[in-house]
C-alpha cells in the first residue's frame, strides 16, 4: 500500500506541468532573444520546460513526505526526485543537441563564405570592366579633342 501512494501522486503533476507550460510559453515567446527565430523558439521552449518541469514533481513528493511518517516514503521520494532530475537533464541535453544540429558546420560556413566572395569578385570584375570601357571612351574623346585643337592651331 505504501508503494501505491507515491505512484498515484505523480499523476496530477503532468496536468500542472502542462498548464504551467501553456502559461509560461507565451511569456517567454514575447521576450525577444538574440539569434535566429528558430533559436529563439528553441530557447523559449527549453526555458518553459525547465520552469514547468523542475518544480512540479518534487513539490508533490514533498507533500507526500509530510503526510507520511514512514521513512521508506522518504527514500522513494529521493529516488523519484533523482529520476525526475535525470529525465529533465536528458531532455535539456536533447534540445541543446537539436539546437546544435541546426547550426551549419564549419565546412558549410566556409563554402557559403567562399560563394559570397566569388559573387563579390564577379560583381567587382564587372564594375572594373565597365570602368575600363568608360576610361577608354574618355581617352578617345580626349584624343579627338586634342587632334581638333592641334588642327586649329596649325591653321592659325
N, C-alpha and C. Protein backbone atom coordinates (compact mmCIF):
# COMPACT_ATOMS: atom_id res chain seq x y z
N UNK A 1 0.82 -1.19 0.00
CA UNK A 1 0.00 0.00 0.00
C UNK A 1 0.86 1.25 0.00
N UNK A 2 2.03 1.18 0.67
CA UNK A 2 2.94 2.32 0.68
C UNK A 2 3.46 2.60 -0.72
N UNK A 3 3.61 1.56 -1.52
CA UNK A 3 4.09 1.74 -2.89
C UNK A 3 3.04 2.40 -3.77
N UNK A 4 1.76 2.15 -3.50
CA UNK A 4 0.71 2.71 -4.34
C UNK A 4 0.55 4.20 -4.15
N UNK A 5 0.73 4.68 -2.95
CA UNK A 5 0.53 6.11 -2.70
C UNK A 5 1.51 6.98 -3.49
N UNK A 6 2.85 6.72 -3.48
CA UNK A 6 3.75 7.55 -4.28
C UNK A 6 3.48 7.42 -5.78
N UNK A 7 3.03 6.25 -6.23
CA UNK A 7 2.76 6.08 -7.65
C UNK A 7 1.52 6.85 -8.10
N UNK A 8 0.56 7.02 -7.22
CA UNK A 8 -0.63 7.78 -7.60
C UNK A 8 -0.41 9.27 -7.50
N UNK A 9 0.51 9.71 -6.68
CA UNK A 9 0.76 11.14 -6.50
C UNK A 9 1.29 11.81 -7.77
N UNK A 10 2.15 11.18 -8.57
CA UNK A 10 2.68 11.88 -9.75
C UNK A 10 1.65 12.14 -10.85
N UNK A 11 0.48 11.52 -10.81
CA UNK A 11 -0.49 11.72 -11.89
C UNK A 11 -0.89 13.18 -12.09
N UNK A 12 -1.20 13.96 -11.04
CA UNK A 12 -1.57 15.36 -11.25
C UNK A 12 -0.45 16.25 -11.79
N UNK A 13 0.82 16.03 -11.47
CA UNK A 13 1.84 16.96 -11.96
C UNK A 13 1.87 17.14 -13.47
N UNK A 14 1.67 16.09 -14.31
CA UNK A 14 1.69 16.39 -15.75
C UNK A 14 0.63 17.41 -16.15
N UNK A 15 -0.54 17.36 -15.51
CA UNK A 15 -1.54 18.38 -15.82
C UNK A 15 -1.05 19.74 -15.37
N UNK A 16 -0.50 19.77 -14.16
CA UNK A 16 0.03 21.04 -13.65
C UNK A 16 1.17 21.50 -14.55
N UNK A 17 2.03 20.55 -14.92
CA UNK A 17 3.16 20.88 -15.79
C UNK A 17 2.66 21.42 -17.12
N UNK A 18 1.64 20.78 -17.68
CA UNK A 18 1.08 21.22 -18.96
C UNK A 18 0.48 22.62 -18.84
N UNK A 19 -0.23 22.86 -17.73
CA UNK A 19 -0.81 24.19 -17.52
C UNK A 19 0.28 25.25 -17.36
N UNK A 20 1.31 24.91 -16.56
CA UNK A 20 2.41 25.86 -16.39
C UNK A 20 3.11 26.10 -17.71
N UNK A 21 3.28 25.04 -18.49
CA UNK A 21 3.94 25.19 -19.80
C UNK A 21 3.13 26.12 -20.69
N UNK A 22 1.81 25.95 -20.70
CA UNK A 22 0.96 26.82 -21.52
C UNK A 22 0.99 28.25 -21.03
N UNK A 23 1.11 28.44 -19.71
CA UNK A 23 1.15 29.79 -19.16
C UNK A 23 2.50 30.44 -19.42
N UNK A 24 3.57 29.68 -19.31
CA UNK A 24 4.92 30.25 -19.41
C UNK A 24 5.38 30.43 -20.85
N UNK A 25 4.93 29.58 -21.74
CA UNK A 25 5.43 29.66 -23.12
C UNK A 25 5.10 30.99 -23.79
N UNK A 26 3.87 31.51 -23.72
CA UNK A 26 3.61 32.80 -24.36
C UNK A 26 4.46 33.92 -23.76
N UNK A 27 4.69 33.88 -22.44
CA UNK A 27 5.51 34.91 -21.82
C UNK A 27 6.93 34.86 -22.35
N UNK A 28 7.49 33.67 -22.46
CA UNK A 28 8.88 33.57 -22.92
C UNK A 28 8.99 33.86 -24.41
N UNK A 29 7.93 33.63 -25.17
CA UNK A 29 7.99 33.93 -26.60
C UNK A 29 7.85 35.43 -26.85
N UNK A 30 7.27 36.17 -25.91
CA UNK A 30 7.12 37.60 -26.10
C UNK A 30 8.45 38.32 -25.91
N UNK A 31 9.35 37.73 -25.15
CA UNK A 31 10.64 38.36 -24.91
C UNK A 31 11.61 37.97 -26.01
N UNK A 32 12.07 38.93 -26.84
CA UNK A 32 12.98 38.58 -27.92
C UNK A 32 14.36 38.23 -27.38
N UNK A 33 14.92 37.16 -27.92
CA UNK A 33 16.27 36.74 -27.56
C UNK A 33 17.16 36.93 -28.78
N UNK A 34 18.47 37.13 -28.58
CA UNK A 34 19.35 37.28 -29.74
C UNK A 34 19.43 35.97 -30.51
N UNK A 35 19.58 36.07 -31.81
CA UNK A 35 19.73 34.89 -32.64
C UNK A 35 18.59 34.78 -33.63
N UNK A 36 18.56 33.65 -34.31
CA UNK A 36 17.53 33.43 -35.32
C UNK A 36 16.20 33.12 -34.64
N UNK A 37 15.09 33.25 -35.38
CA UNK A 37 13.78 32.95 -34.79
C UNK A 37 13.68 31.51 -34.30
N UNK A 38 14.33 30.60 -35.01
CA UNK A 38 14.28 29.20 -34.61
C UNK A 38 15.01 28.99 -33.28
N UNK A 39 16.15 29.67 -33.11
CA UNK A 39 16.88 29.59 -31.85
C UNK A 39 16.07 30.22 -30.73
N UNK A 40 15.38 31.32 -31.02
CA UNK A 40 14.54 31.96 -30.02
C UNK A 40 13.45 31.02 -29.56
N UNK A 41 12.81 30.35 -30.51
CA UNK A 41 11.74 29.42 -30.19
C UNK A 41 12.28 28.26 -29.36
N UNK A 42 13.43 27.73 -29.78
CA UNK A 42 14.03 26.60 -29.06
C UNK A 42 14.39 27.02 -27.64
N UNK A 43 15.02 28.17 -27.49
CA UNK A 43 15.43 28.64 -26.17
C UNK A 43 14.21 28.89 -25.28
N UNK A 44 13.16 29.46 -25.83
CA UNK A 44 11.96 29.71 -25.03
C UNK A 44 11.29 28.40 -24.64
N UNK A 45 11.33 27.41 -25.54
CA UNK A 45 10.77 26.09 -25.24
C UNK A 45 11.52 25.44 -24.08
N UNK A 46 12.84 25.47 -24.17
CA UNK A 46 13.65 24.86 -23.11
C UNK A 46 13.42 25.59 -21.79
N UNK A 47 13.38 26.92 -21.82
CA UNK A 47 13.14 27.69 -20.60
C UNK A 47 11.77 27.37 -20.02
N UNK A 48 10.77 27.27 -20.87
CA UNK A 48 9.42 26.96 -20.39
C UNK A 48 9.36 25.56 -19.80
N UNK A 49 10.04 24.61 -20.46
CA UNK A 49 10.04 23.24 -19.93
C UNK A 49 10.75 23.18 -18.58
N UNK A 50 11.88 23.88 -18.48
CA UNK A 50 12.58 23.91 -17.19
C UNK A 50 11.68 24.49 -16.11
N UNK A 51 11.07 25.62 -16.42
CA UNK A 51 10.21 26.28 -15.44
C UNK A 51 9.02 25.41 -15.06
N UNK A 52 8.51 24.64 -16.03
CA UNK A 52 7.33 23.82 -15.76
C UNK A 52 7.68 22.50 -15.09
N UNK A 53 8.78 21.88 -15.51
CA UNK A 53 9.08 20.54 -15.02
C UNK A 53 9.81 20.51 -13.69
N UNK A 54 10.77 21.35 -13.50
CA UNK A 54 11.61 21.25 -12.32
C UNK A 54 10.85 21.35 -11.00
N UNK A 55 9.92 22.27 -10.84
CA UNK A 55 9.26 22.37 -9.54
C UNK A 55 8.12 21.38 -9.31
N UNK A 56 7.52 20.79 -10.35
CA UNK A 56 6.25 20.08 -10.15
C UNK A 56 6.39 18.77 -9.39
N UNK A 57 7.26 17.86 -9.79
CA UNK A 57 7.33 16.57 -9.11
C UNK A 57 7.89 16.67 -7.70
N UNK A 58 8.99 17.34 -7.48
CA UNK A 58 9.48 17.42 -6.10
C UNK A 58 8.45 18.01 -5.14
N UNK A 59 7.68 18.98 -5.56
CA UNK A 59 6.67 19.57 -4.67
C UNK A 59 5.62 18.53 -4.29
N UNK A 60 5.15 17.76 -5.26
CA UNK A 60 4.15 16.72 -4.98
C UNK A 60 4.73 15.67 -4.04
N UNK A 61 5.96 15.28 -4.33
CA UNK A 61 6.58 14.25 -3.49
C UNK A 61 6.85 14.78 -2.08
N UNK A 62 7.20 16.04 -1.96
CA UNK A 62 7.40 16.61 -0.62
C UNK A 62 6.10 16.63 0.16
N UNK A 63 4.98 16.87 -0.53
CA UNK A 63 3.68 16.81 0.15
C UNK A 63 3.41 15.39 0.65
N UNK A 64 3.85 14.40 -0.12
CA UNK A 64 3.66 13.01 0.30
C UNK A 64 4.48 12.70 1.54
N UNK A 65 5.67 13.28 1.65
CA UNK A 65 6.51 13.09 2.84
C UNK A 65 5.80 13.65 4.07
N UNK A 66 5.24 14.84 3.91
CA UNK A 66 4.57 15.48 5.04
C UNK A 66 3.39 14.65 5.55
N UNK A 67 2.70 13.96 4.67
CA UNK A 67 1.54 13.16 5.06
C UNK A 67 1.94 11.80 5.62
N UNK A 68 3.15 11.36 5.34
CA UNK A 68 3.55 10.01 5.72
C UNK A 68 4.62 10.05 6.80
N UNK A 69 4.51 9.10 7.73
CA UNK A 69 5.51 9.01 8.79
C UNK A 69 6.55 7.94 8.48
N UNK A 70 6.38 7.22 7.40
CA UNK A 70 7.28 6.11 7.06
C UNK A 70 8.56 6.64 6.41
N UNK A 71 9.70 6.12 6.87
CA UNK A 71 10.98 6.55 6.29
C UNK A 71 11.17 5.99 4.88
N UNK A 72 10.51 4.87 4.57
CA UNK A 72 10.64 4.31 3.22
C UNK A 72 10.05 5.26 2.18
N UNK A 73 9.05 6.03 2.57
CA UNK A 73 8.48 7.01 1.65
C UNK A 73 9.51 8.07 1.29
N UNK A 74 10.29 8.47 2.29
CA UNK A 74 11.31 9.49 2.03
C UNK A 74 12.36 8.96 1.05
N UNK A 75 12.74 7.69 1.21
CA UNK A 75 13.71 7.09 0.28
C UNK A 75 13.11 7.05 -1.12
N UNK A 76 11.84 6.65 -1.23
CA UNK A 76 11.17 6.63 -2.54
C UNK A 76 11.12 8.03 -3.15
N UNK A 77 10.84 9.01 -2.31
CA UNK A 77 10.77 10.39 -2.79
C UNK A 77 12.12 10.83 -3.33
N UNK A 78 13.19 10.52 -2.60
CA UNK A 78 14.53 10.89 -3.06
C UNK A 78 14.85 10.21 -4.38
N UNK A 79 14.49 8.92 -4.49
CA UNK A 79 14.74 8.19 -5.74
C UNK A 79 13.94 8.80 -6.88
N UNK A 80 12.66 9.08 -6.64
CA UNK A 80 11.83 9.70 -7.68
C UNK A 80 12.38 11.08 -8.06
N UNK A 81 12.81 11.82 -7.05
CA UNK A 81 13.39 13.14 -7.32
C UNK A 81 14.62 13.04 -8.20
N UNK A 82 15.52 12.09 -7.88
CA UNK A 82 16.73 11.90 -8.70
C UNK A 82 16.35 11.49 -10.12
N UNK A 83 15.41 10.52 -10.23
CA UNK A 83 14.98 10.08 -11.56
C UNK A 83 14.40 11.24 -12.36
N UNK A 84 13.60 12.03 -11.68
CA UNK A 84 12.98 13.17 -12.35
C UNK A 84 14.03 14.16 -12.84
N UNK A 85 15.00 14.47 -11.98
CA UNK A 85 16.04 15.43 -12.35
C UNK A 85 16.90 14.88 -13.50
N UNK A 86 17.16 13.58 -13.49
CA UNK A 86 17.92 12.98 -14.60
C UNK A 86 17.13 13.09 -15.90
N UNK A 87 15.83 12.83 -15.83
CA UNK A 87 15.00 12.95 -17.03
C UNK A 87 14.97 14.38 -17.54
N UNK A 88 14.87 15.33 -16.63
CA UNK A 88 14.86 16.74 -17.04
C UNK A 88 16.19 17.12 -17.69
N UNK A 89 17.28 16.61 -17.12
CA UNK A 89 18.60 16.90 -17.68
C UNK A 89 18.74 16.29 -19.08
N UNK A 90 18.25 15.05 -19.24
CA UNK A 90 18.31 14.40 -20.56
C UNK A 90 17.50 15.19 -21.59
N UNK A 91 16.32 15.67 -21.18
CA UNK A 91 15.51 16.49 -22.08
C UNK A 91 16.25 17.75 -22.50
N UNK A 92 16.86 18.39 -21.53
CA UNK A 92 17.60 19.61 -21.83
C UNK A 92 18.75 19.32 -22.78
N UNK A 93 19.50 18.25 -22.53
CA UNK A 93 20.61 17.89 -23.42
C UNK A 93 20.11 17.55 -24.82
N UNK A 94 18.95 16.89 -24.89
CA UNK A 94 18.37 16.57 -26.19
C UNK A 94 18.06 17.84 -26.98
N UNK A 95 17.44 18.81 -26.33
CA UNK A 95 17.09 20.04 -27.03
C UNK A 95 18.32 20.86 -27.39
N UNK A 96 19.31 20.85 -26.53
CA UNK A 96 20.56 21.55 -26.85
C UNK A 96 21.21 20.87 -28.06
N UNK A 97 21.16 19.53 -28.09
CA UNK A 97 21.69 18.79 -29.24
C UNK A 97 20.96 19.14 -30.52
N UNK A 98 19.64 19.26 -30.45
CA UNK A 98 18.87 19.66 -31.63
C UNK A 98 19.29 21.05 -32.09
N UNK A 99 19.51 21.93 -31.15
CA UNK A 99 19.91 23.29 -31.49
C UNK A 99 21.26 23.27 -32.21
N UNK A 100 22.18 22.43 -31.74
CA UNK A 100 23.50 22.35 -32.38
C UNK A 100 23.41 21.73 -33.77
N UNK A 101 22.47 20.79 -33.97
CA UNK A 101 22.30 20.18 -35.29
C UNK A 101 21.85 21.21 -36.32
N UNK A 102 21.08 22.19 -35.87
CA UNK A 102 20.58 23.21 -36.79
C UNK A 102 21.67 24.17 -37.22
N UNK A 103 22.75 24.24 -36.46
CA UNK A 103 23.83 25.16 -36.81
C UNK A 103 24.68 24.54 -37.92
N UNK A 104 25.07 25.36 -38.91
CA UNK A 104 25.87 24.82 -40.01
C UNK A 104 27.27 24.42 -39.54
N UNK A 105 27.84 23.44 -40.24
CA UNK A 105 29.19 23.00 -39.91
C UNK A 105 30.20 24.03 -40.40
N UNK A 106 31.43 23.89 -39.97
CA UNK A 106 32.50 24.81 -40.38
C UNK A 106 32.67 24.75 -41.90
N UNK A 107 32.58 23.54 -42.45
CA UNK A 107 32.71 23.37 -43.90
C UNK A 107 31.60 24.13 -44.64
N UNK A 108 30.37 24.01 -44.15
CA UNK A 108 29.26 24.72 -44.79
C UNK A 108 29.44 26.23 -44.69
N UNK A 109 29.89 26.69 -43.51
CA UNK A 109 30.13 28.13 -43.33
C UNK A 109 31.19 28.62 -44.30
N UNK A 110 32.28 27.85 -44.45
CA UNK A 110 33.35 28.25 -45.37
C UNK A 110 32.87 28.24 -46.82
N UNK A 111 32.08 27.23 -47.20
CA UNK A 111 31.54 27.19 -48.56
C UNK A 111 30.66 28.40 -48.83
N UNK A 112 29.84 28.75 -47.86
CA UNK A 112 28.96 29.91 -48.01
C UNK A 112 29.78 31.19 -48.13
N UNK A 113 30.82 31.30 -47.30
CA UNK A 113 31.68 32.48 -47.34
C UNK A 113 32.41 32.57 -48.68
N UNK A 114 32.88 31.43 -49.18
CA UNK A 114 33.57 31.40 -50.48
C UNK A 114 32.60 31.81 -51.59
N UNK A 115 31.37 31.31 -51.55
CA UNK A 115 30.38 31.67 -52.56
C UNK A 115 30.10 33.17 -52.53
N UNK A 116 30.01 33.74 -51.34
CA UNK A 116 29.80 35.19 -51.22
C UNK A 116 30.98 35.96 -51.78
N UNK A 117 32.19 35.48 -51.49
CA UNK A 117 33.39 36.15 -52.00
C UNK A 117 33.46 36.05 -53.53
N UNK A 118 33.09 34.89 -54.07
CA UNK A 118 33.10 34.72 -55.53
C UNK A 118 32.08 35.66 -56.18
N UNK A 119 30.92 35.80 -55.56
CA UNK A 119 29.90 36.71 -56.08
C UNK A 119 30.39 38.15 -56.02
N UNK A 120 31.04 38.51 -54.93
CA UNK A 120 31.60 39.85 -54.79
C UNK A 120 32.69 40.09 -55.83
N UNK A 121 33.53 39.08 -56.05
CA UNK A 121 34.59 39.19 -57.06
C UNK A 121 33.99 39.38 -58.45
N UNK A 122 32.95 38.63 -58.76
CA UNK A 122 32.28 38.75 -60.06
C UNK A 122 31.71 40.15 -60.23
N UNK A 123 31.04 40.65 -59.21
CA UNK A 123 30.45 42.00 -59.27
C UNK A 123 31.52 43.06 -59.46
N UNK A 124 32.61 42.94 -58.72
CA UNK A 124 33.69 43.93 -58.83
C UNK A 124 34.41 43.82 -60.17
N UNK A 125 34.55 42.61 -60.70
CA UNK A 125 35.17 42.43 -62.02
C UNK A 125 34.32 43.10 -63.10
N UNK A 126 33.00 42.93 -63.01
CA UNK A 126 32.10 43.58 -63.96
C UNK A 126 32.22 45.10 -63.85
N UNK A 127 32.29 45.60 -62.65
CA UNK A 127 32.43 47.04 -62.42
C UNK A 127 33.75 47.55 -63.00
N UNK A 128 34.82 46.80 -62.80
CA UNK A 128 36.13 47.18 -63.35
C UNK A 128 36.07 47.21 -64.88
N UNK A 129 35.43 46.21 -65.47
CA UNK A 129 35.30 46.16 -66.94
C UNK A 129 34.54 47.38 -67.45
N UNK A 130 33.45 47.74 -66.78
CA UNK A 130 32.68 48.92 -67.17
C UNK A 130 33.52 50.19 -67.04
N UNK A 131 34.27 50.30 -65.96
CA UNK A 131 35.12 51.48 -65.76
C UNK A 131 36.24 51.55 -66.80
N UNK A 132 36.82 50.40 -67.15
CA UNK A 132 37.86 50.38 -68.19
C UNK A 132 37.29 50.86 -69.52
N UNK A 133 36.08 50.40 -69.85
CA UNK A 133 35.45 50.84 -71.10
C UNK A 133 35.17 52.34 -71.05
N UNK A 134 34.73 52.84 -69.94
CA UNK A 134 34.47 54.27 -69.77
C UNK A 134 35.76 55.08 -69.92
N UNK A 135 36.84 54.59 -69.31
CA UNK A 135 38.14 55.27 -69.42
C UNK A 135 38.63 55.28 -70.86
N UNK A 136 38.49 54.16 -71.56
CA UNK A 136 38.90 54.10 -72.98
C UNK A 136 38.09 55.08 -73.82
N UNK A 137 36.81 55.18 -73.54
CA UNK A 137 35.97 56.13 -74.28
C UNK A 137 36.42 57.57 -74.00
N UNK A 138 36.72 57.87 -72.73
CA UNK A 138 37.21 59.21 -72.38
C UNK A 138 38.55 59.50 -73.06
N UNK A 139 39.43 58.48 -73.09
CA UNK A 139 40.73 58.67 -73.75
C UNK A 139 40.53 58.99 -75.23
N UNK A 140 39.60 58.28 -75.87
CA UNK A 140 39.34 58.52 -77.29
C UNK A 140 38.78 59.93 -77.49
N UNK A 141 37.84 60.33 -76.61
CA UNK A 141 37.27 61.67 -76.71
C UNK A 141 38.34 62.74 -76.51
N UNK A 142 39.22 62.52 -75.53
CA UNK A 142 40.30 63.48 -75.29
C UNK A 142 41.28 63.52 -76.46
N UNK A 143 41.57 62.37 -77.04
CA UNK A 143 42.48 62.33 -78.20
C UNK A 143 41.85 63.07 -79.38
N UNK A 144 40.54 62.83 -79.59
CA UNK A 144 39.83 63.53 -80.67
C UNK A 144 39.84 65.04 -80.42
N UNK A 145 39.62 65.44 -79.19
CA UNK A 145 39.63 66.86 -78.85
C UNK A 145 41.03 67.45 -79.05
N UNK A 146 42.06 66.70 -78.66
CA UNK A 146 43.44 67.15 -78.85
C UNK A 146 43.74 67.31 -80.34
N UNK A 147 43.30 66.35 -81.14
CA UNK A 147 43.52 66.44 -82.60
C UNK A 147 42.81 67.67 -83.18
N UNK A 148 41.60 67.97 -82.74
CA UNK A 148 40.89 69.16 -83.22
C UNK A 148 41.63 70.43 -82.85
N UNK A 149 42.08 70.49 -81.58
CA UNK A 149 42.83 71.68 -81.15
C UNK A 149 44.15 71.81 -81.93
N UNK A 150 44.81 70.69 -82.16
CA UNK A 150 46.07 70.72 -82.92
C UNK A 150 45.80 71.20 -84.34
N UNK A 151 44.74 70.73 -84.96
CA UNK A 151 44.37 71.15 -86.33
C UNK A 151 44.05 72.65 -86.36
N UNK A 152 43.34 73.14 -85.35
CA UNK A 152 43.01 74.57 -85.29
C UNK A 152 44.28 75.41 -85.14
N UNK A 153 45.19 74.92 -84.29
CA UNK A 153 46.45 75.66 -84.09
C UNK A 153 47.29 75.65 -85.37
N UNK A 154 47.27 74.58 -86.12
CA UNK A 154 48.04 74.52 -87.37
C UNK A 154 47.45 75.48 -88.40
N UNK A 155 46.16 75.67 -88.40
CA UNK A 155 45.53 76.61 -89.34
C UNK A 155 45.91 78.04 -89.01
N UNK A 156 46.08 78.29 -87.74
CA UNK A 156 46.39 79.67 -87.33
C UNK A 156 47.84 79.92 -87.54
